[in-house]
Amino acid sequence: SRDNNKNTVYLQMNNLKPEDTGVYYCAAEAIALTTRA
């Protein structure tokens, strides 16, 4: 989710599993939503 007025993006993670372990990064893209890093 996102709140543009607060300049903040969120990722709510529920029912976490051990395989979810890792370093999580947020990223911004100026054209359109994409899955490619």
All heavy atoms as atom14 arrays in JSON, in Angstrom:
{
  "sequence": "SRDNNKNTVYLQMNNLKPEDTGVYYCAAEAIALTTRA",
  "atom14_mask": [
    [1, 1, 1, 1, 1, 1, 0, 0, 0, 0, 0, 0, 0, 0],
    [1, 1, 1, 1, 1, 1, 1, 1, 1, 1, 1, 0, 0, 0],
    [1, 1, 1, 1, 1, 1, 1, 1, 0, 0, 0, 0, 0, 0],
    [1, 1, 1, 1, 1, 1, 1, 1, 0, 0, 0, 0, 0, 0],
    [1, 1, 1, 1, 1, 1, 1, 1, 0, 0, 0, 0, 0, 0],
    [1, 1, 1, 1, 1, 1, 1, 1, 1, 0, 0, 0, 0, 0],
    [1, 1, 1, 1, 1, 1, 1, 1, 0, 0, 0, 0, 0, 0],
    [1, 1, 1, 1, 1, 1, 1, 0, 0, 0, 0, 0, 0, 0],
    [1, 1, 1, 1, 1, 1, 1, 0, 0, 0, 0, 0, 0, 0],
    [1, 1, 1, 1, 1, 1, 1, 1, 1, 1, 1, 1, 0, 0],
    [1, 1, 1, 1, 1, 1, 1, 1, 0, 0, 0, 0, 0, 0],
    [1, 1, 1, 1, 1, 1, 1, 1, 1, 0, 0, 0, 0, 0],
    [1, 1, 1, 1, 1, 1, 1, 1, 0, 0, 0, 0, 0, 0],
    [1, 1, 1, 1, 1, 1, 1, 1, 0, 0, 0, 0, 0, 0],
    [1, 1, 1, 1, 1, 1, 1, 1, 0, 0, 0, 0, 0, 0],
    [1, 1, 1, 1, 1, 1, 1, 1, 0, 0, 0, 0, 0, 0],
    [1, 1, 1, 1, 1, 1, 1, 1, 1, 0, 0, 0, 0, 0],
    [1, 1, 1, 1, 1, 1, 1, 0, 0, 0, 0, 0, 0, 0],
    [1, 1, 1, 1, 1, 1, 1, 1, 1, 0, 0, 0, 0, 0],
    [1, 1, 1, 1, 1, 1, 1, 1, 0, 0, 0, 0, 0, 0],
    [1, 1, 1, 1, 1, 1, 1, 0, 0, 0, 0, 0, 0, 0],
    [1, 1, 1, 1, 0, 0, 0, 0, 0, 0, 0, 0, 0, 0],
    [1, 1, 1, 1, 1, 1, 1, 0, 0, 0, 0, 0, 0, 0],
    [1, 1, 1, 1, 1, 1, 1, 1, 1, 1, 1, 1, 0, 0],
    [1, 1, 1, 1, 1, 1, 1, 1, 1, 1, 1, 1, 0, 0],
    [1, 1, 1, 1, 1, 1, 0, 0, 0, 0, 0, 0, 0, 0],
    [1, 1, 1, 1, 1, 0, 0, 0, 0, 0, 0, 0, 0, 0],
    [1, 1, 1, 1, 1, 0, 0, 0, 0, 0, 0, 0, 0, 0],
    [1, 1, 1, 1, 1, 1, 1, 1, 1, 0, 0, 0, 0, 0],
    [1, 1, 1, 1, 1, 0, 0, 0, 0, 0, 0, 0, 0, 0],
    [1, 1, 1, 1, 1, 1, 1, 1, 0, 0, 0, 0, 0, 0],
    [1, 1, 1, 1, 1, 0, 0, 0, 0, 0, 0, 0, 0, 0],
    [1, 1, 1, 1, 1, 1, 1, 1, 0, 0, 0, 0, 0, 0],
    [1, 1, 1, 1, 1, 1, 1, 0, 0, 0, 0, 0, 0, 0],
    [1, 1, 1, 1, 1, 1, 1, 0, 0, 0, 0, 0, 0, 0],
    [1, 1, 1, 1, 1, 1, 1, 1, 1, 1, 1, 0, 0, 0],
    [1, 1, 1, 1, 1, 0, 0, 0, 0, 0, 0, 0, 0, 0]
  ],
  "atom14_positions": [
    [[0.85, -1.18, 0.0], [0.0, 0.0, 0.0], [0.89, 1.23, 0.0], [2.09, 1.14, 0.19], [-0.95, 0.0, 1.21], [-0.22, 0.03, 2.42], [0.0, 0.0, 0.0], [0.0, 0.0, 0.0], [0.0, 0.0, 0.0], [0.0, 0.0, 0.0], [0.0, 0.0, 0.0], [0.0, 0.0, 0.0], [0.0, 0.0, 0.0], [0.0, 0.0, 0.0]],
    [[0.27, 2.38, -0.2], [1.05, 3.6, -0.22], [0.22, 4.78, 0.26], [-1.01, 4.8, 0.11], [1.62, 3.88, -1.61], [0.57, 4.17, -2.68], [1.2, 4.13, -4.08], [2.23, 5.16, -4.24], [3.18, 5.13, -5.17], [3.24, 4.11, -6.03], [4.06, 6.12, -5.25], [0.0, 0.0, 0.0], [0.0, 0.0, 0.0], [0.0, 0.0, 0.0]],
    [[0.9, 5.75, 0.83], [0.3, 7.0, 1.25], [1.16, 8.1, 0.66], [2.19, 8.47, 1.22], [0.23, 7.1, 2.76], [-0.53, 8.32, 3.23], [-0.67, 9.29, 2.46], [-0.99, 8.32, 4.4], [0.0, 0.0, 0.0], [0.0, 0.0, 0.0], [0.0, 0.0, 0.0], [0.0, 0.0, 0.0], [0.0, 0.0, 0.0], [0.0, 0.0, 0.0]],
    [[0.75, 8.61, -0.48], [1.56, 9.6, -1.17], [1.69, 10.9, -0.38], [2.7, 11.6, -0.51], [0.98, 9.88, -2.55], [1.17, 8.72, -3.52], [1.94, 7.8, -3.25], [0.47, 8.76, -4.64], [0.0, 0.0, 0.0], [0.0, 0.0, 0.0], [0.0, 0.0, 0.0], [0.0, 0.0, 0.0], [0.0, 0.0, 0.0], [0.0, 0.0, 0.0]],
    [[0.69, 11.23, 0.41], [0.77, 12.44, 1.22], [1.85, 12.35, 2.29], [2.38, 13.37, 2.72], [-0.58, 12.74, 1.86], [-1.62, 13.16, 0.85], [-1.31, 13.77, -0.17], [-2.88, 12.86, 1.13], [0.0, 0.0, 0.0], [0.0, 0.0, 0.0], [0.0, 0.0, 0.0], [0.0, 0.0, 0.0], [0.0, 0.0, 0.0], [0.0, 0.0, 0.0]],
    [[2.16, 11.14, 2.71], [3.21, 10.93, 3.7], [4.51, 10.46, 3.07], [5.47, 10.15, 3.78], [2.76, 9.92, 4.74], [1.57, 10.38, 5.58], [1.19, 9.34, 6.61], [0.03, 9.81, 7.46], [-0.37, 8.8, 8.48], [0.0, 0.0, 0.0], [0.0, 0.0, 0.0], [0.0, 0.0, 0.0], [0.0, 0.0, 0.0], [0.0, 0.0, 0.0]],
    [[4.53, 10.37, 1.75], [5.71, 9.91, 1.03], [6.18, 8.54, 1.53], [7.38, 8.28, 1.64], [6.86, 10.92, 1.13], [6.67, 12.11, 0.2], [5.77, 12.13, -0.63], [7.53, 13.11, 0.35], [0.0, 0.0, 0.0], [0.0, 0.0, 0.0], [0.0, 0.0, 0.0], [0.0, 0.0, 0.0], [0.0, 0.0, 0.0], [0.0, 0.0, 0.0]],
    [[5.23, 7.67, 1.8], [5.55, 6.39, 2.41], [4.84, 5.26, 1.7], [3.66, 5.36, 1.35], [5.17, 6.38, 3.89], [5.85, 7.46, 4.56], [5.57, 5.08, 4.54], [0.0, 0.0, 0.0], [0.0, 0.0, 0.0], [0.0, 0.0, 0.0], [0.0, 0.0, 0.0], [0.0, 0.0, 0.0], [0.0, 0.0, 0.0], [0.0, 0.0, 0.0]],
    [[5.58, 4.18, 1.5], [5.05, 2.94, 0.95], [5.19, 1.86, 2.01], [6.17, 1.84, 2.77], [5.8, 2.54, -0.33], [5.24, 1.27, -0.92], [5.73, 3.66, -1.36], [0.0, 0.0, 0.0], [0.0, 0.0, 0.0], [0.0, 0.0, 0.0], [0.0, 0.0, 0.0], [0.0, 0.0, 0.0], [0.0, 0.0, 0.0], [0.0, 0.0, 0.0]],
    [[4.23, 0.96, 2.05], [4.21, -0.08, 3.08], [4.15, -1.46, 2.45], [3.63, -1.65, 1.35], [2.99, 0.09, 3.99], [2.88, 1.45, 4.62], [2.09, 2.44, 4.03], [3.56, 1.75, 5.79], [1.99, 3.69, 4.61], [3.45, 3.0, 6.37], [2.67, 3.97, 5.78], [2.57, 5.21, 6.36], [0.0, 0.0, 0.0], [0.0, 0.0, 0.0]],
    [[4.67, -2.42, 3.17], [4.51, -3.82, 2.83], [4.08, -4.56, 4.09], [4.89, -4.75, 5.0], [5.79, -4.42, 2.26], [5.67, -5.88, 1.81], [4.74, -5.99, 0.6], [7.04, -6.46, 1.46], [0.0, 0.0, 0.0], [0.0, 0.0, 0.0], [0.0, 0.0, 0.0], [0.0, 0.0, 0.0], [0.0, 0.0, 0.0], [0.0, 0.0, 0.0]],
    [[2.82, -4.93, 4.14], [2.31, -5.72, 5.25], [2.56, -7.19, 4.95], [2.13, -7.7, 3.91], [0.81, -5.48, 5.44], [0.19, -6.28, 6.57], [0.69, -5.86, 7.92], [0.77, -4.67, 8.21], [1.03, -6.83, 8.76], [0.0, 0.0, 0.0], [0.0, 0.0, 0.0], [0.0, 0.0, 0.0], [0.0, 0.0, 0.0], [0.0, 0.0, 0.0]],
    [[3.26, -7.86, 5.84], [3.64, -9.25, 5.65], [3.01, -10.08, 6.76], [3.35, -9.9, 7.93], [5.17, -9.4, 5.65], [5.87, -8.51, 4.63], [7.65, -8.83, 4.53], [8.15, -8.32, 6.18], [0.0, 0.0, 0.0], [0.0, 0.0, 0.0], [0.0, 0.0, 0.0], [0.0, 0.0, 0.0], [0.0, 0.0, 0.0], [0.0, 0.0, 0.0]],
    [[2.12, -10.96, 6.38], [1.42, -11.82, 7.32], [1.8, -13.28, 7.09], [2.25, -13.66, 6.01], [-0.09, -11.65, 7.18], [-0.56, -10.26, 7.49], [-0.05, -9.59, 8.39], [-1.57, -9.8, 6.75], [0.0, 0.0, 0.0], [0.0, 0.0, 0.0], [0.0, 0.0, 0.0], [0.0, 0.0, 0.0], [0.0, 0.0, 0.0], [0.0, 0.0, 0.0]],
    [[1.58, -14.08, 8.11], [1.87, -15.51, 8.03], [3.26, -15.76, 7.48], [3.46, -16.54, 6.54], [0.81, -16.22, 7.18], [0.88, -17.72, 7.28], [1.38, -18.27, 8.27], [0.39, -18.42, 6.26], [0.0, 0.0, 0.0], [0.0, 0.0, 0.0], [0.0, 0.0, 0.0], [0.0, 0.0, 0.0], [0.0, 0.0, 0.0], [0.0, 0.0, 0.0]],
    [[4.22, -15.11, 8.07], [5.59, -15.21, 7.59], [6.14, -16.61, 7.73], [5.83, -17.34, 8.68], [6.48, -14.22, 8.33], [6.31, -12.76, 7.88], [6.83, -11.81, 8.93], [7.02, -12.54, 6.55], [0.0, 0.0, 0.0], [0.0, 0.0, 0.0], [0.0, 0.0, 0.0], [0.0, 0.0, 0.0], [0.0, 0.0, 0.0], [0.0, 0.0, 0.0]],
    [[6.98, -16.97, 6.77], [7.61, -18.27, 6.72], [9.12, -18.11, 6.73], [9.64, -17.07, 6.33], [7.19, -19.01, 5.45], [5.69, -19.2, 5.3], [5.34, -19.86, 3.98], [3.85, -20.04, 3.83], [3.49, -20.69, 2.54], [0.0, 0.0, 0.0], [0.0, 0.0, 0.0], [0.0, 0.0, 0.0], [0.0, 0.0, 0.0], [0.0, 0.0, 0.0]],
    [[9.86, -19.13, 7.18], [11.32, -19.02, 7.18], [11.9, -18.66, 5.82], [12.91, -17.95, 5.75], [11.77, -20.41, 7.63], [10.65, -20.89, 8.49], [9.4, -20.36, 7.83], [0.0, 0.0, 0.0], [0.0, 0.0, 0.0], [0.0, 0.0, 0.0], [0.0, 0.0, 0.0], [0.0, 0.0, 0.0], [0.0, 0.0, 0.0], [0.0, 0.0, 0.0]],
    [[11.29, -19.11, 4.74], [11.79, -18.8, 3.42], [11.59, -17.34, 3.03], [12.09, -16.9, 1.99], [11.16, -19.72, 2.36], [9.65, -19.76, 2.41], [9.12, -20.96, 3.18], [9.68, -21.27, 4.25], [8.15, -21.59, 2.69], [0.0, 0.0, 0.0], [0.0, 0.0, 0.0], [0.0, 0.0, 0.0], [0.0, 0.0, 0.0], [0.0, 0.0, 0.0]],
    [[10.87, -16.58, 3.85], [10.74, -15.15, 3.63], [11.94, -14.37, 4.15], [12.03, -13.16, 3.93], [9.48, -14.6, 4.3], [8.21, -15.16, 3.69], [8.14, -15.29, 2.45], [7.27, -15.46, 4.45], [0.0, 0.0, 0.0], [0.0, 0.0, 0.0], [0.0, 0.0, 0.0], [0.0, 0.0, 0.0], [0.0, 0.0, 0.0], [0.0, 0.0, 0.0]],
    [[12.83, -15.03, 4.83], [14.01, -14.39, 5.4], [14.86, -13.75, 4.31], [15.11, -14.36, 3.26], [14.83, -15.4, 6.2], [14.09, -15.82, 7.34], [16.15, -14.8, 6.66], [0.0, 0.0, 0.0], [0.0, 0.0, 0.0], [0.0, 0.0, 0.0], [0.0, 0.0, 0.0], [0.0, 0.0, 0.0], [0.0, 0.0, 0.0], [0.0, 0.0, 0.0]],
    [[15.32, -12.55, 4.56], [16.18, -11.87, 3.63], [16.2, -10.38, 3.89], [15.54, -9.89, 4.81], [0.0, 0.0, 0.0], [0.0, 0.0, 0.0], [0.0, 0.0, 0.0], [0.0, 0.0, 0.0], [0.0, 0.0, 0.0], [0.0, 0.0, 0.0], [0.0, 0.0, 0.0], [0.0, 0.0, 0.0], [0.0, 0.0, 0.0], [0.0, 0.0, 0.0]],
    [[16.97, -9.68, 3.1], [16.99, -8.23, 3.16], [15.96, -7.7, 2.16], [15.98, -8.07, 0.98], [18.38, -7.66, 2.83], [18.36, -6.15, 2.84], [19.4, -8.18, 3.84], [0.0, 0.0, 0.0], [0.0, 0.0, 0.0], [0.0, 0.0, 0.0], [0.0, 0.0, 0.0], [0.0, 0.0, 0.0], [0.0, 0.0, 0.0], [0.0, 0.0, 0.0]],
    [[15.08, -6.86, 2.64], [14.01, -6.32, 1.82], [14.34, -4.9, 1.41], [14.74, -4.06, 2.23], [12.68, -6.35, 2.58], [12.07, -7.72, 2.63], [12.65, -8.73, 3.4], [10.92, -8.02, 1.9], [12.1, -10.0, 3.43], [10.37, -9.29, 1.93], [10.96, -10.28, 2.69], [10.41, -11.54, 2.73], [0.0, 0.0, 0.0], [0.0, 0.0, 0.0]],
    [[14.17, -4.63, 0.13], [14.47, -3.33, -0.45], [13.22, -2.73, -1.08], [12.44, -3.44, -1.7], [15.53, -3.45, -1.54], [16.84, -4.05, -1.1], [17.04, -5.42, -1.1], [17.9, -3.23, -0.71], [18.24, -5.98, -0.72], [19.1, -3.77, -0.32], [19.27, -5.15, -0.33], [20.48, -5.69, 0.05], [0.0, 0.0, 0.0], [0.0, 0.0, 0.0]],
    [[13.06, -1.43, -0.94], [12.07, -0.75, -1.74], [12.77, -0.02, -2.87], [13.95, 0.32, -2.79], [11.21, 0.21, -0.9], [12.07, 1.63, -0.21], [0.0, 0.0, 0.0], [0.0, 0.0, 0.0], [0.0, 0.0, 0.0], [0.0, 0.0, 0.0], [0.0, 0.0, 0.0], [0.0, 0.0, 0.0], [0.0, 0.0, 0.0], [0.0, 0.0, 0.0]],
    [[12.04, 0.19, -3.94], [12.6, 0.8, -5.13], [11.54, 1.64, -5.82], [10.34, 1.37, -5.71], [13.12, -0.28, -6.09], [0.0, 0.0, 0.0], [0.0, 0.0, 0.0], [0.0, 0.0, 0.0], [0.0, 0.0, 0.0], [0.0, 0.0, 0.0], [0.0, 0.0, 0.0], [0.0, 0.0, 0.0], [0.0, 0.0, 0.0], [0.0, 0.0, 0.0]],
    [[12.0, 2.65, -6.54], [11.11, 3.57, -7.24], [11.4, 3.54, -8.73], [12.56, 3.54, -9.14], [11.27, 4.99, -6.69], [0.0, 0.0, 0.0], [0.0, 0.0, 0.0], [0.0, 0.0, 0.0], [0.0, 0.0, 0.0], [0.0, 0.0, 0.0], [0.0, 0.0, 0.0], [0.0, 0.0, 0.0], [0.0, 0.0, 0.0], [0.0, 0.0, 0.0]],
    [[10.34, 3.55, -9.51], [10.45, 3.51, -10.97], [9.58, 4.62, -11.54], [8.42, 4.76, -11.18], [10.01, 2.15, -11.48], [10.55, 1.76, -12.84], [9.73, 2.34, -13.96], [8.48, 2.35, -13.84], [10.32, 2.79, -14.95], [0.0, 0.0, 0.0], [0.0, 0.0, 0.0], [0.0, 0.0, 0.0], [0.0, 0.0, 0.0], [0.0, 0.0, 0.0]],
    [[10.14, 5.39, -12.45], [9.51, 6.64, -12.89], [8.53, 6.48, -14.04], [7.86, 7.46, -14.39], [10.59, 7.65, -13.28], [0.0, 0.0, 0.0], [0.0, 0.0, 0.0], [0.0, 0.0, 0.0], [0.0, 0.0, 0.0], [0.0, 0.0, 0.0], [0.0, 0.0, 0.0], [0.0, 0.0, 0.0], [0.0, 0.0, 0.0], [0.0, 0.0, 0.0]],
    [[8.42, 5.31, -14.63], [7.57, 5.16, -15.8], [6.29, 4.38, -15.49], [5.19, 4.87, -15.67], [8.34, 4.5, -16.96], [9.53, 5.37, -17.36], [7.41, 4.26, -18.14], [10.4, 4.76, -18.43], [0.0, 0.0, 0.0], [0.0, 0.0, 0.0], [0.0, 0.0, 0.0], [0.0, 0.0, 0.0], [0.0, 0.0, 0.0], [0.0, 0.0, 0.0]],
    [[6.47, 3.14, -15.02], [5.32, 2.29, -14.78], [5.71, 1.14, -13.87], [6.89, 0.81, -13.74], [4.75, 1.76, -16.1], [0.0, 0.0, 0.0], [0.0, 0.0, 0.0], [0.0, 0.0, 0.0], [0.0, 0.0, 0.0], [0.0, 0.0, 0.0], [0.0, 0.0, 0.0], [0.0, 0.0, 0.0], [0.0, 0.0, 0.0], [0.0, 0.0, 0.0]],
    [[4.72, 0.52, -13.28], [4.95, -0.62, -12.41], [5.57, -1.77, -13.2], [5.08, -2.15, -14.26], [3.63, -1.06, -11.79], [3.67, -2.3, -10.89], [4.6, -2.08, -9.72], [2.26, -2.63, -10.42], [0.0, 0.0, 0.0], [0.0, 0.0, 0.0], [0.0, 0.0, 0.0], [0.0, 0.0, 0.0], [0.0, 0.0, 0.0], [0.0, 0.0, 0.0]],
    [[6.65, -2.31, -12.66], [7.35, -3.4, -13.3], [7.88, -4.35, -12.23], [8.08, -3.96, -11.08], [8.51, -2.87, -14.16], [9.23, -3.96, -14.73], [9.48, -2.03, -13.33], [0.0, 0.0, 0.0], [0.0, 0.0, 0.0], [0.0, 0.0, 0.0], [0.0, 0.0, 0.0], [0.0, 0.0, 0.0], [0.0, 0.0, 0.0], [0.0, 0.0, 0.0]],
    [[8.09, -5.59, -12.64], [8.66, -6.59, -11.74], [10.17, -6.75, -11.94], [10.79, -7.52, -11.22], [7.98, -7.95, -11.94], [8.23, -8.42, -13.27], [6.48, -7.84, -11.71], [0.0, 0.0, 0.0], [0.0, 0.0, 0.0], [0.0, 0.0, 0.0], [0.0, 0.0, 0.0], [0.0, 0.0, 0.0], [0.0, 0.0, 0.0], [0.0, 0.0, 0.0]],
    [[10.73, -6.03, -12.88], [12.14, -6.19, -13.2], [12.99, -5.21, -12.39], [12.84, -4.0, -12.52], [12.37, -5.97, -14.69], [11.65, -6.97, -15.58], [11.92, -6.69, -17.04], [11.28, -7.66, -17.91], [11.36, -7.65, -19.22], [12.05, -6.7, -19.83], [10.73, -8.58, -19.92], [0.0, 0.0, 0.0], [0.0, 0.0, 0.0], [0.0, 0.0, 0.0]],
    [[13.89, -5.75, -11.6], [14.74, -4.91, -10.77], [15.58, -3.95, -11.59], [15.83, -2.82, -11.17], [15.64, -5.79, -9.89], [0.0, 0.0, 0.0], [0.0, 0.0, 0.0], [0.0, 0.0, 0.0], [0.0, 0.0, 0.0], [0.0, 0.0, 0.0], [0.0, 0.0, 0.0], [0.0, 0.0, 0.0], [0.0, 0.0, 0.0], [0.0, 0.0, 0.0]]
  ]
}
